[in-house]
Amino acid sequence: MAEDKTTVLEGIISDVAVALYQRWANELPEEARTDESNAALAENASRTTFFIVQMFMDKFNEAAEQLKNSPEIQ
């Protein structure tokens, strides 16, 4: 039996990307839905989700660092 090497964060990113893709796909007119457009939406959803999560983590860590170095906290 192979071990699942997916981290919790990777699983969350994947779940959010699928939900984002589904949201975008539902908004696409039926006549515009093709294999190509679906593939492009899926790729864009994955890249967008990764970008947003990475940016959130960077901003969160930056704010945490500022709080940690704040004189009121020490």
PDB file of N, CA and C in Angstrom:
ATOM      1  N   MET A   1       0.842  -1.188   0.000  1.00  0.00           N
ATOM      2  CA  MET A   1       0.000   0.000   0.000  1.00  0.00           C
ATOM      3  C   MET A   1       0.883   1.246   0.000  1.00  0.00           C
ATOM      4  N   ALA A   2       0.671   2.121  -0.957  1.00  0.00           N
ATOM      5  CA  ALA A   2       1.471   3.345  -1.061  1.00  0.00           C
ATOM      6  C   ALA A   2       0.974   4.370  -0.052  1.00  0.00           C
ATOM      7  N   GLU A   3       1.940   5.080   0.530  1.00  0.00           N
ATOM      8  CA  GLU A   3       1.591   6.119   1.497  1.00  0.00           C
ATOM      9  C   GLU A   3       1.120   7.369   0.771  1.00  0.00           C
ATOM     10  N   ASP A   4       0.165   8.057   1.358  1.00  0.00           N
ATOM     11  CA  ASP A   4      -0.312   9.322   0.806  1.00  0.00           C
ATOM     12  C   ASP A   4       0.660  10.411   1.243  1.00  0.00           C
ATOM     13  N   LYS A   5       1.342  11.003   0.287  1.00  0.00           N
ATOM     14  CA  LYS A   5       2.376  11.997   0.584  1.00  0.00           C
ATOM     15  C   LYS A   5       1.833  13.431   0.528  1.00  0.00           C
ATOM     16  N   THR A   6       0.531  13.594   0.338  1.00  0.00           N
ATOM     17  CA  THR A   6      -0.067  14.919   0.272  1.00  0.00           C
ATOM     18  C   THR A   6      -0.106  15.537   1.664  1.00  0.00           C
ATOM     19  N   THR A   7       0.406  16.756   1.769  1.00  0.00           N
ATOM     20  CA  THR A   7       0.357  17.458   3.041  1.00  0.00           C
ATOM     21  C   THR A   7      -1.038  18.033   3.239  1.00  0.00           C
ATOM     22  N   VAL A   8      -1.322  18.443   4.454  1.00  0.00           N
ATOM     23  CA  VAL A   8      -2.617  19.067   4.754  1.00  0.00           C
ATOM     24  C   VAL A   8      -2.783  20.323   3.903  1.00  0.00           C
ATOM     25  N   LEU A   9      -1.736  21.134   3.821  1.00  0.00           N
ATOM     26  CA  LEU A   9      -1.813  22.359   3.039  1.00  0.00           C
ATOM     27  C   LEU A   9      -2.058  22.057   1.562  1.00  0.00           C
ATOM     28  N   GLU A  10      -1.369  21.075   1.024  1.00  0.00           N
ATOM     29  CA  GLU A  10      -1.582  20.700  -0.377  1.00  0.00           C
ATOM     30  C   GLU A  10      -3.017  20.227  -0.599  1.00  0.00           C
ATOM     31  N   GLY A  11      -3.563  19.502   0.352  1.00  0.00           N
ATOM     32  CA  GLY A  11      -4.940  19.042   0.257  1.00  0.00           C
ATOM     33  C   GLY A  11      -5.924  20.200   0.275  1.00  0.00           C
ATOM     34  N   ILE A  12      -5.670  21.175   1.135  1.00  0.00           N
ATOM     35  CA  ILE A  12      -6.538  22.356   1.207  1.00  0.00           C
ATOM     36  C   ILE A  12      -6.466  23.134  -0.103  1.00  0.00           C
ATOM     37  N   ILE A  13      -5.254  23.356  -0.604  1.00  0.00           N
ATOM     38  CA  ILE A  13      -5.087  24.085  -1.864  1.00  0.00           C
ATOM     39  C   ILE A  13      -5.818  23.360  -2.987  1.00  0.00           C
ATOM     40  N   SER A  14      -5.698  22.061  -3.036  1.00  0.00           N
ATOM     41  CA  SER A  14      -6.377  21.280  -4.066  1.00  0.00           C
ATOM     42  C   SER A  14      -7.893  21.412  -3.958  1.00  0.00           C
ATOM     43  N   ASP A  15      -8.421  21.308  -2.745  1.00  0.00           N
ATOM     44  CA  ASP A  15      -9.871  21.426  -2.539  1.00  0.00           C
ATOM     45  C   ASP A  15     -10.384  22.807  -2.940  1.00  0.00           C
ATOM     46  N   VAL A  16      -9.638  23.851  -2.578  1.00  0.00           N
ATOM     47  CA  VAL A  16     -10.046  25.215  -2.916  1.00  0.00           C
ATOM     48  C   VAL A  16      -9.971  25.415  -4.429  1.00  0.00           C
ATOM     49  N   ALA A  17      -8.927  24.891  -5.066  1.00  0.00           N
ATOM     50  CA  ALA A  17      -8.790  25.021  -6.520  1.00  0.00           C
ATOM     51  C   ALA A  17      -9.960  24.347  -7.237  1.00  0.00           C
ATOM     52  N   VAL A  18     -10.373  23.191  -6.764  1.00  0.00           N
ATOM     53  CA  VAL A  18     -11.511  22.499  -7.374  1.00  0.00           C
ATOM     54  C   VAL A  18     -12.784  23.314  -7.198  1.00  0.00           C
ATOM     55  N   ALA A  19     -12.992  23.870  -6.012  1.00  0.00           N
ATOM     56  CA  ALA A  19     -14.184  24.677  -5.763  1.00  0.00           C
ATOM     57  C   ALA A  19     -14.176  25.946  -6.622  1.00  0.00           C
ATOM     58  N   LEU A  20     -13.013  26.571  -6.773  1.00  0.00           N
ATOM     59  CA  LEU A  20     -12.897  27.771  -7.600  1.00  0.00           C
ATOM     60  C   LEU A  20     -13.176  27.425  -9.058  1.00  0.00           C
ATOM     61  N   TYR A  21     -12.591  26.335  -9.532  1.00  0.00           N
ATOM     62  CA  TYR A  21     -12.853  25.873 -10.901  1.00  0.00           C
ATOM     63  C   TYR A  21     -14.350  25.656 -11.102  1.00  0.00           C
ATOM     64  N   GLN A  22     -14.986  24.981 -10.175  1.00  0.00           N
ATOM     65  CA  GLN A  22     -16.414  24.687 -10.311  1.00  0.00           C
ATOM     66  C   GLN A  22     -17.238  25.965 -10.358  1.00  0.00           C
ATOM     67  N   ARG A  23     -16.859  26.925  -9.522  1.00  0.00           N
ATOM     68  CA  ARG A  23     -17.575  28.216  -9.514  1.00  0.00           C
ATOM     69  C   ARG A  23     -17.450  28.904 -10.866  1.00  0.00           C
ATOM     70  N   TRP A  24     -16.211  28.944 -11.398  1.00  0.00           N
ATOM     71  CA  TRP A  24     -15.990  29.578 -12.693  1.00  0.00           C
ATOM     72  C   TRP A  24     -16.695  28.798 -13.803  1.00  0.00           C
ATOM     73  N   ALA A  25     -16.612  27.478 -13.765  1.00  0.00           N
ATOM     74  CA  ALA A  25     -17.232  26.650 -14.805  1.00  0.00           C
ATOM     75  C   ALA A  25     -18.747  26.830 -14.816  1.00  0.00           C
ATOM     76  N   ASN A  26     -19.346  26.958 -13.651  1.00  0.00           N
ATOM     77  CA  ASN A  26     -20.792  27.159 -13.570  1.00  0.00           C
ATOM     78  C   ASN A  26     -21.224  28.479 -14.185  1.00  0.00           C
ATOM     79  N   GLU A  27     -20.334  29.470 -14.182  1.00  0.00           N
ATOM     80  CA  GLU A  27     -20.651  30.786 -14.748  1.00  0.00           C
ATOM     81  C   GLU A  27     -20.451  30.830 -16.261  1.00  0.00           C
ATOM     82  N   LEU A  28     -19.737  29.852 -16.792  1.00  0.00           N
ATOM     83  CA  LEU A  28     -19.449  29.823 -18.218  1.00  0.00           C
ATOM     84  C   LEU A  28     -20.695  29.384 -18.982  1.00  0.00           C
ATOM     85  N   PRO A  29     -21.083  30.123 -20.027  1.00  0.00           N
ATOM     86  CA  PRO A  29     -22.246  29.703 -20.818  1.00  0.00           C
ATOM     87  C   PRO A  29     -22.036  28.298 -21.395  1.00  0.00           C
ATOM     88  N   GLU A  30     -23.100  27.557 -21.481  1.00  0.00           N
ATOM     89  CA  GLU A  30     -23.036  26.166 -21.955  1.00  0.00           C
ATOM     90  C   GLU A  30     -22.309  26.054 -23.297  1.00  0.00           C
ATOM     91  N   GLU A  31     -22.584  26.977 -24.209  1.00  0.00           N
ATOM     92  CA  GLU A  31     -21.977  26.900 -25.546  1.00  0.00           C
ATOM     93  C   GLU A  31     -20.470  27.186 -25.518  1.00  0.00           C
ATOM     94  N   ALA A  32     -19.970  27.775 -24.451  1.00  0.00           N
ATOM     95  CA  ALA A  32     -18.539  28.075 -24.340  1.00  0.00           C
ATOM     96  C   ALA A  32     -17.769  26.959 -23.636  1.00  0.00           C
ATOM     97  N   ARG A  33     -18.471  25.961 -23.152  1.00  0.00           N
ATOM     98  CA  ARG A  33     -17.811  24.864 -22.415  1.00  0.00           C
ATOM     99  C   ARG A  33     -17.241  23.842 -23.396  1.00  0.00           C
ATOM    100  N   THR A  34     -15.932  23.810 -23.430  1.00  0.00           N
ATOM    101  CA  THR A  34     -15.224  22.846 -24.275  1.00  0.00           C
ATOM    102  C   THR A  34     -14.139  22.198 -23.430  1.00  0.00           C
ATOM    103  N   ASP A  35     -13.533  21.155 -23.961  1.00  0.00           N
ATOM    104  CA  ASP A  35     -12.414  20.524 -23.251  1.00  0.00           C
ATOM    105  C   ASP A  35     -11.287  21.532 -23.031  1.00  0.00           C
ATOM    106  N   GLU A  36     -11.057  22.372 -24.050  1.00  0.00           N
ATOM    107  CA  GLU A  36     -10.010  23.396 -23.944  1.00  0.00           C
ATOM    108  C   GLU A  36     -10.324  24.430 -22.872  1.00  0.00           C
ATOM    109  N   SER A  37     -11.561  24.922 -22.871  1.00  0.00           N
ATOM    110  CA  SER A  37     -11.916  25.936 -21.877  1.00  0.00           C
ATOM    111  C   SER A  37     -11.917  25.348 -20.472  1.00  0.00           C
ATOM    112  N   ASN A  38     -12.358  24.106 -20.337  1.00  0.00           N
ATOM    113  CA  ASN A  38     -12.332  23.443 -19.023  1.00  0.00           C
ATOM    114  C   ASN A  38     -10.905  23.258 -18.525  1.00  0.00           C
ATOM    115  N   ALA A  39     -10.007  22.867 -19.420  1.00  0.00           N
ATOM    116  CA  ALA A  39      -8.598  22.685 -19.037  1.00  0.00           C
ATOM    117  C   ALA A  39      -7.979  24.018 -18.629  1.00  0.00           C
ATOM    118  N   ALA A  40      -8.296  25.076 -19.387  1.00  0.00           N
ATOM    119  CA  ALA A  40      -7.759  26.403 -19.062  1.00  0.00           C
ATOM    120  C   ALA A  40      -8.298  26.884 -17.716  1.00  0.00           C
ATOM    121  N   LEU A  41      -9.594  26.675 -17.473  1.00  0.00           N
ATOM    122  CA  LEU A  41     -10.178  27.066 -16.188  1.00  0.00           C
ATOM    123  C   LEU A  41      -9.533  26.299 -15.037  1.00  0.00           C
ATOM    124  N   ALA A  42      -9.336  25.018 -15.215  1.00  0.00           N
ATOM    125  CA  ALA A  42      -8.735  24.199 -14.157  1.00  0.00           C
ATOM    126  C   ALA A  42      -7.312  24.658 -13.852  1.00  0.00           C
ATOM    127  N   GLU A  43      -6.528  24.911 -14.891  1.00  0.00           N
ATOM    128  CA  GLU A  43      -5.150  25.384 -14.700  1.00  0.00           C
ATOM    129  C   GLU A  43      -5.144  26.750 -14.014  1.00  0.00           C
ATOM    130  N   ASN A  44      -5.995  27.649 -14.469  1.00  0.00           N
ATOM    131  CA  ASN A  44      -6.068  28.981 -13.889  1.00  0.00           C
ATOM    132  C   ASN A  44      -6.527  28.909 -12.431  1.00  0.00           C
ATOM    133  N   ALA A  45      -7.488  28.060 -12.131  1.00  0.00           N
ATOM    134  CA  ALA A  45      -7.967  27.914 -10.754  1.00  0.00           C
ATOM    135  C   ALA A  45      -6.846  27.420  -9.846  1.00  0.00           C
ATOM    136  N   SER A  46      -6.064  26.463 -10.328  1.00  0.00           N
ATOM    137  CA  SER A  46      -4.948  25.946  -9.526  1.00  0.00           C
ATOM    138  C   SER A  46      -3.897  27.018  -9.275  1.00  0.00           C
ATOM    139  N   ARG A  47      -3.508  27.713 -10.329  1.00  0.00           N
ATOM    140  CA  ARG A  47      -2.492  28.761 -10.191  1.00  0.00           C
ATOM    141  C   ARG A  47      -2.983  29.913  -9.320  1.00  0.00           C
ATOM    142  N   THR A  48      -4.234  30.301  -9.491  1.00  0.00           N
ATOM    143  CA  THR A  48      -4.806  31.397  -8.709  1.00  0.00           C
ATOM    144  C   THR A  48      -4.890  31.019  -7.240  1.00  0.00           C
ATOM    145  N   THR A  49      -5.329  29.810  -6.956  1.00  0.00           N
ATOM    146  CA  THR A  49      -5.433  29.356  -5.572  1.00  0.00           C
ATOM    147  C   THR A  49      -4.062  29.334  -4.912  1.00  0.00           C
ATOM    148  N   PHE A  50      -3.062  28.791  -5.600  1.00  0.00           N
ATOM    149  CA  PHE A  50      -1.718  28.747  -5.038  1.00  0.00           C
ATOM    150  C   PHE A  50      -1.213  30.162  -4.764  1.00  0.00           C
ATOM    151  N   PHE A  51      -1.423  31.078  -5.713  1.00  0.00           N
ATOM    152  CA  PHE A  51      -0.997  32.468  -5.548  1.00  0.00           C
ATOM    153  C   PHE A  51      -1.649  33.104  -4.326  1.00  0.00           C
ATOM    154  N   ILE A  52      -2.948  32.922  -4.185  1.00  0.00           N
ATOM    155  CA  ILE A  52      -3.672  33.539  -3.072  1.00  0.00           C
ATOM    156  C   ILE A  52      -3.228  32.955  -1.738  1.00  0.00           C
ATOM    157  N   VAL A  53      -3.102  31.640  -1.665  1.00  0.00           N
ATOM    158  CA  VAL A  53      -2.677  31.014  -0.407  1.00  0.00           C
ATOM    159  C   VAL A  53      -1.260  31.448  -0.053  1.00  0.00           C
ATOM    160  N   GLN A  54      -0.371  31.475  -1.041  1.00  0.00           N
ATOM    161  CA  GLN A  54       1.013  31.895  -0.788  1.00  0.00           C
ATOM    162  C   GLN A  54       1.058  33.344  -0.313  1.00  0.00           C
ATOM    163  N   MET A  55       0.290  34.214  -0.968  1.00  0.00           N
ATOM    164  CA  MET A  55       0.265  35.626  -0.573  1.00  0.00           C
ATOM    165  C   MET A  55      -0.307  35.767   0.840  1.00  0.00           C
ATOM    166  N   PHE A  56      -1.366  35.042   1.142  1.00  0.00           N
ATOM    167  CA  PHE A  56      -1.951  35.087   2.480  1.00  0.00           C
ATOM    168  C   PHE A  56      -0.933  34.648   3.524  1.00  0.00           C
ATOM    169  N   MET A  57      -0.237  33.553   3.260  1.00  0.00           N
ATOM    170  CA  MET A  57       0.757  33.059   4.223  1.00  0.00           C
ATOM    171  C   MET A  57       1.880  34.063   4.417  1.00  0.00           C
ATOM    172  N   ASP A  58       2.339  34.683   3.321  1.00  0.00           N
ATOM    173  CA  ASP A  58       3.397  35.686   3.426  1.00  0.00           C
ATOM    174  C   ASP A  58       2.942  36.869   4.276  1.00  0.00           C
ATOM    175  N   LYS A  59       1.735  37.375   3.999  1.00  0.00           N
ATOM    176  CA  LYS A  59       1.203  38.512   4.758  1.00  0.00           C
ATOM    177  C   LYS A  59       0.966  38.134   6.220  1.00  0.00           C
ATOM    178  N   PHE A  60       0.459  36.932   6.451  1.00  0.00           N
ATOM    179  CA  PHE A  60       0.199  36.457   7.806  1.00  0.00           C
ATOM    180  C   PHE A  60       1.505  36.357   8.592  1.00  0.00           C
ATOM    181  N   ASN A  61       2.510  35.774   7.979  1.00  0.00           N
ATOM    182  CA  ASN A  61       3.811  35.631   8.643  1.00  0.00           C
ATOM    183  C   ASN A  61       4.461  36.990   8.899  1.00  0.00           C
ATOM    184  N   GLU A  62       4.306  37.908   7.954  1.00  0.00           N
ATOM    185  CA  GLU A  62       4.840  39.258   8.126  1.00  0.00           C
ATOM    186  C   GLU A  62       4.169  39.955   9.312  1.00  0.00           C
ATOM    187  N   ALA A  63       2.851  39.843   9.392  1.00  0.00           N
ATOM    188  CA  ALA A  63       2.116  40.465  10.499  1.00  0.00           C
ATOM    189  C   ALA A  63       2.489  39.806  11.829  1.00  0.00           C
ATOM    190  N   ALA A  64       2.657  38.502  11.824  1.00  0.00           N
ATOM    191  CA  ALA A  64       3.045  37.803  13.049  1.00  0.00           C
ATOM    192  C   ALA A  64       4.431  38.242  13.500  1.00  0.00           C
ATOM    193  N   GLU A  65       5.329  38.422  12.567  1.00  0.00           N
ATOM    194  CA  GLU A  65       6.684  38.878  12.886  1.00  0.00           C
ATOM    195  C   GLU A  65       6.648  40.289  13.470  1.00  0.00           C
ATOM    196  N   GLN A  66       5.826  41.160  12.894  1.00  0.00           N
ATOM    197  CA  GLN A  66       5.701  42.524  13.414  1.00  0.00           C
ATOM    198  C   GLN A  66       5.134  42.507  14.827  1.00  0.00           C
ATOM    199  N   LEU A  67       4.139  41.672  15.056  1.00  0.00           N
ATOM    200  CA  LEU A  67       3.565  41.567  16.403  1.00  0.00           C
ATOM    201  C   LEU A  67       4.582  41.034  17.399  1.00  0.00           C
ATOM    202  N   LYS A  68       5.354  40.049  16.954  1.00  0.00           N
ATOM    203  CA  LYS A  68       6.362  39.447  17.821  1.00  0.00           C
ATOM    204  C   LYS A  68       7.423  40.473  18.219  1.00  0.00           C
ATOM    205  N   ASN A  69       7.726  41.383  17.321  1.00  0.00           N
ATOM    206  CA  ASN A  69       8.741  42.404  17.588  1.00  0.00           C
ATOM    207  C   ASN A  69       8.177  43.675  18.172  1.00  0.00           C
ATOM    208  N   SER A  70       6.887  43.721  18.391  1.00  0.00           N
ATOM    209  CA  SER A  70       6.213  44.904  18.936  1.00  0.00           C
ATOM    210  C   SER A  70       6.539  45.045  20.422  1.00  0.00           C
ATOM    211  N   PRO A  71       6.859  46.249  20.878  1.00  0.00           N
ATOM    212  CA  PRO A  71       7.204  46.446  22.287  1.00  0.00           C
ATOM    213  C   PRO A  71       6.018  46.151  23.233  1.00  0.00           C
ATOM    214  N   GLU A  72       4.792  46.314  22.767  1.00  0.00           N
ATOM    215  CA  GLU A  72       3.633  46.037  23.628  1.00  0.00           C
ATOM    216  C   GLU A  72       3.506  44.556  23.959  1.00  0.00           C
ATOM    217  N   ILE A  73       3.996  43.705  23.092  1.00  0.00           N
ATOM    218  CA  ILE A  73       3.885  42.260  23.292  1.00  0.00           C
ATOM    219  C   ILE A  73       4.955  41.764  24.262  1.00  0.00           C
ATOM    220  N   GLN A  74       6.093  42.409  24.268  1.00  0.00           N
ATOM    221  CA  GLN A  74       7.223  41.933  25.083  1.00  0.00           C
ATOM    222  C   GLN A  74       7.113  42.352  26.472  1.00  0.00           C
TER     223      GLN A  74
END
